[in-house]
Amino acid sequence: MVTMTLAVPNEMKQRMEEFPEINWSEVARQAIRQKIIDLEFLRRFKAQSTLTEEEAIKLGAELNKKLAKHYIGE
C-alpha cells in the first residue's frame, strides 16, 4: 500500500474532528474508488458512443429540463 497525503481546508478538518469515530482515510479511499469506477464507465461509454458532442449537449439539456419539471414541477 502507498501512503498519500491529502490537504483539506481548516474548516473541513475542524468539522471532521467532530466525528472522531469515522475513519476518514477509508472515506477518502471509497470516494476515490467510486470516482475511478465512474470515470472508467464514462470512458467505455464514450468509446462506444456515436453521438457528436453537440448532440450529447442537446440531449443533456433536454434531460435536465425533464428532470427539473418532474422534481420541481416547472
N, C-alpha and C. Protein backbone atom coordinates (compact mmCIF):
# COMPACT_ATOMS: atom_id res chain seq x y z
N MET A 1 0.85 -1.17 0.00
CA MET A 1 0.00 0.00 0.00
C MET A 1 0.90 1.24 0.00
N VAL A 2 0.47 2.26 -0.72
CA VAL A 2 1.19 3.51 -0.82
C VAL A 2 0.51 4.54 0.08
N THR A 3 1.31 5.36 0.75
CA THR A 3 0.76 6.42 1.59
C THR A 3 0.57 7.66 0.74
N MET A 4 -0.56 8.35 0.98
CA MET A 4 -0.88 9.55 0.23
C MET A 4 -1.31 10.61 1.24
N THR A 5 -0.82 11.81 1.09
CA THR A 5 -1.22 12.92 1.96
C THR A 5 -2.29 13.73 1.26
N LEU A 6 -3.32 14.08 1.99
CA LEU A 6 -4.44 14.82 1.43
C LEU A 6 -4.59 16.13 2.18
N ALA A 7 -4.64 17.22 1.46
CA ALA A 7 -4.82 18.54 2.08
C ALA A 7 -6.31 18.90 2.05
N VAL A 8 -6.82 19.34 3.19
CA VAL A 8 -8.21 19.80 3.28
C VAL A 8 -8.21 21.17 3.94
N PRO A 9 -9.21 22.00 3.64
CA PRO A 9 -9.29 23.31 4.28
C PRO A 9 -9.45 23.15 5.80
N ASN A 10 -8.99 24.16 6.55
CA ASN A 10 -9.05 24.12 8.01
C ASN A 10 -10.47 23.88 8.51
N GLU A 11 -11.44 24.57 7.92
CA GLU A 11 -12.83 24.40 8.37
C GLU A 11 -13.29 22.95 8.21
N MET A 12 -12.93 22.32 7.10
CA MET A 12 -13.31 20.93 6.89
C MET A 12 -12.66 20.03 7.93
N LYS A 13 -11.39 20.27 8.20
CA LYS A 13 -10.67 19.48 9.20
C LYS A 13 -11.34 19.61 10.56
N GLN A 14 -11.72 20.81 10.94
CA GLN A 14 -12.40 21.02 12.22
C GLN A 14 -13.72 20.26 12.26
N ARG A 15 -14.45 20.29 11.17
CA ARG A 15 -15.73 19.57 11.13
C ARG A 15 -15.52 18.06 11.17
N MET A 16 -14.47 17.59 10.53
CA MET A 16 -14.15 16.16 10.56
C MET A 16 -13.83 15.72 11.98
N GLU A 17 -13.14 16.58 12.72
CA GLU A 17 -12.76 16.25 14.09
C GLU A 17 -13.95 16.11 15.02
N GLU A 18 -15.12 16.61 14.59
CA GLU A 18 -16.34 16.45 15.37
C GLU A 18 -16.84 15.00 15.34
N PHE A 19 -16.26 14.21 14.45
CA PHE A 19 -16.66 12.81 14.29
C PHE A 19 -15.43 11.90 14.38
N PRO A 20 -14.83 11.80 15.56
CA PRO A 20 -13.59 11.04 15.70
C PRO A 20 -13.77 9.54 15.45
N GLU A 21 -15.01 9.06 15.49
CA GLU A 21 -15.25 7.63 15.27
C GLU A 21 -15.17 7.25 13.80
N ILE A 22 -15.14 8.24 12.93
CA ILE A 22 -15.09 7.97 11.49
C ILE A 22 -13.64 7.79 11.03
N ASN A 23 -13.42 6.76 10.23
CA ASN A 23 -12.11 6.51 9.63
C ASN A 23 -12.08 7.32 8.32
N TRP A 24 -11.58 8.53 8.40
CA TRP A 24 -11.61 9.44 7.25
C TRP A 24 -10.73 8.94 6.11
N SER A 25 -9.70 8.19 6.42
CA SER A 25 -8.88 7.61 5.35
C SER A 25 -9.70 6.62 4.53
N GLU A 26 -10.53 5.84 5.20
CA GLU A 26 -11.39 4.89 4.48
C GLU A 26 -12.45 5.62 3.66
N VAL A 27 -12.99 6.70 4.20
CA VAL A 27 -13.96 7.50 3.45
C VAL A 27 -13.32 8.02 2.17
N ALA A 28 -12.09 8.52 2.28
CA ALA A 28 -11.38 9.03 1.11
C ALA A 28 -11.09 7.91 0.12
N ARG A 29 -10.67 6.73 0.61
CA ARG A 29 -10.41 5.60 -0.28
C ARG A 29 -11.67 5.21 -1.05
N GLN A 30 -12.80 5.15 -0.35
CA GLN A 30 -14.06 4.78 -1.01
C GLN A 30 -14.47 5.82 -2.05
N ALA A 31 -14.29 7.09 -1.74
CA ALA A 31 -14.64 8.15 -2.68
C ALA A 31 -13.76 8.08 -3.93
N ILE A 32 -12.48 7.85 -3.72
CA ILE A 32 -11.55 7.73 -4.86
C ILE A 32 -11.88 6.51 -5.69
N ARG A 33 -12.15 5.38 -5.02
CA ARG A 33 -12.52 4.14 -5.73
C ARG A 33 -13.77 4.37 -6.58
N GLN A 34 -14.79 5.02 -6.02
CA GLN A 34 -16.03 5.26 -6.76
C GLN A 34 -15.80 6.21 -7.94
N LYS A 35 -14.97 7.21 -7.74
CA LYS A 35 -14.67 8.15 -8.83
C LYS A 35 -13.98 7.42 -9.99
N ILE A 36 -13.07 6.51 -9.67
CA ILE A 36 -12.39 5.72 -10.71
C ILE A 36 -13.41 4.87 -11.47
N ILE A 37 -14.32 4.22 -10.75
CA ILE A 37 -15.36 3.41 -11.39
C ILE A 37 -16.20 4.27 -12.31
N ASP A 38 -16.61 5.45 -11.85
CA ASP A 38 -17.42 6.36 -12.67
C ASP A 38 -16.67 6.79 -13.92
N LEU A 39 -15.39 7.15 -13.77
CA LEU A 39 -14.60 7.60 -14.91
C LEU A 39 -14.37 6.48 -15.91
N GLU A 40 -14.13 5.25 -15.43
CA GLU A 40 -13.96 4.11 -16.33
C GLU A 40 -15.25 3.85 -17.12
N PHE A 41 -16.40 3.96 -16.44
CA PHE A 41 -17.68 3.80 -17.13
C PHE A 41 -17.84 4.85 -18.22
N LEU A 42 -17.55 6.11 -17.88
CA LEU A 42 -17.68 7.18 -18.87
C LEU A 42 -16.74 6.97 -20.05
N ARG A 43 -15.54 6.50 -19.77
CA ARG A 43 -14.58 6.24 -20.85
C ARG A 43 -15.12 5.16 -21.79
N ARG A 44 -15.66 4.06 -21.22
CA ARG A 44 -16.22 2.99 -22.05
C ARG A 44 -17.43 3.48 -22.84
N PHE A 45 -18.30 4.25 -22.16
CA PHE A 45 -19.50 4.78 -22.82
C PHE A 45 -19.11 5.69 -23.98
N LYS A 46 -18.15 6.56 -23.73
CA LYS A 46 -17.71 7.50 -24.77
C LYS A 46 -17.11 6.75 -25.96
N ALA A 47 -16.35 5.71 -25.68
CA ALA A 47 -15.71 4.95 -26.76
C ALA A 47 -16.75 4.25 -27.64
N GLN A 48 -17.90 3.89 -27.06
CA GLN A 48 -18.93 3.17 -27.81
C GLN A 48 -19.99 4.11 -28.40
N SER A 49 -19.95 5.37 -28.04
CA SER A 49 -20.99 6.31 -28.45
C SER A 49 -20.77 6.80 -29.88
N THR A 50 -21.88 6.98 -30.58
CA THR A 50 -21.82 7.56 -31.92
C THR A 50 -22.33 9.00 -31.92
N LEU A 51 -22.72 9.51 -30.73
CA LEU A 51 -23.20 10.88 -30.64
C LEU A 51 -22.07 11.88 -30.85
N THR A 52 -22.38 12.97 -31.50
CA THR A 52 -21.42 14.05 -31.57
C THR A 52 -21.48 14.81 -30.24
N GLU A 53 -20.50 15.64 -29.99
CA GLU A 53 -20.50 16.43 -28.75
C GLU A 53 -21.73 17.34 -28.72
N GLU A 54 -22.05 17.94 -29.85
CA GLU A 54 -23.22 18.82 -29.93
C GLU A 54 -24.51 18.06 -29.61
N GLU A 55 -24.66 16.86 -30.16
CA GLU A 55 -25.85 16.04 -29.88
C GLU A 55 -25.93 15.66 -28.41
N ALA A 56 -24.79 15.33 -27.81
CA ALA A 56 -24.76 14.95 -26.40
C ALA A 56 -25.15 16.12 -25.51
N ILE A 57 -24.68 17.32 -25.84
CA ILE A 57 -25.03 18.52 -25.07
C ILE A 57 -26.53 18.79 -25.18
N LYS A 58 -27.07 18.68 -26.38
CA LYS A 58 -28.51 18.90 -26.59
C LYS A 58 -29.33 17.87 -25.81
N LEU A 59 -28.93 16.63 -25.88
CA LEU A 59 -29.63 15.57 -25.16
C LEU A 59 -29.56 15.82 -23.64
N GLY A 60 -28.40 16.23 -23.14
CA GLY A 60 -28.25 16.53 -21.72
C GLY A 60 -29.14 17.68 -21.29
N ALA A 61 -29.25 18.70 -22.11
CA ALA A 61 -30.10 19.85 -21.79
C ALA A 61 -31.57 19.43 -21.74
N GLU A 62 -31.99 18.61 -22.68
CA GLU A 62 -33.38 18.13 -22.69
C GLU A 62 -33.66 17.28 -21.46
N LEU A 63 -32.72 16.44 -21.10
CA LEU A 63 -32.88 15.60 -19.91
C LEU A 63 -32.97 16.46 -18.65
N ASN A 64 -32.13 17.47 -18.54
CA ASN A 64 -32.17 18.36 -17.39
C ASN A 64 -33.53 19.05 -17.26
N LYS A 65 -34.08 19.51 -18.38
CA LYS A 65 -35.40 20.16 -18.36
C LYS A 65 -36.47 19.20 -17.87
N LYS A 66 -36.43 17.97 -18.38
CA LYS A 66 -37.44 16.99 -17.97
C LYS A 66 -37.30 16.61 -16.50
N LEU A 67 -36.07 16.48 -16.03
CA LEU A 67 -35.86 16.18 -14.61
C LEU A 67 -36.32 17.32 -13.72
N ALA A 68 -36.04 18.54 -14.13
CA ALA A 68 -36.48 19.71 -13.35
C ALA A 68 -38.00 19.75 -13.31
N LYS A 69 -38.63 19.49 -14.42
CA LYS A 69 -40.10 19.51 -14.47
C LYS A 69 -40.66 18.42 -13.56
N HIS A 70 -40.04 17.25 -13.58
CA HIS A 70 -40.51 16.13 -12.76
C HIS A 70 -40.35 16.40 -11.28
N TYR A 71 -39.17 16.88 -10.87
CA TYR A 71 -38.87 17.04 -9.45
C TYR A 71 -39.27 18.39 -8.88
N ILE A 72 -39.24 19.43 -9.70
CA ILE A 72 -39.56 20.77 -9.21
C ILE A 72 -40.99 21.15 -9.59
N GLY A 73 -41.47 20.56 -10.66
CA GLY A 73 -42.83 20.82 -11.10
C GLY A 73 -42.96 22.08 -11.92
N GLU A 74 -41.93 22.41 -12.67
CA GLU A 74 -41.98 23.62 -13.52
C GLU A 74 -42.95 23.43 -14.64
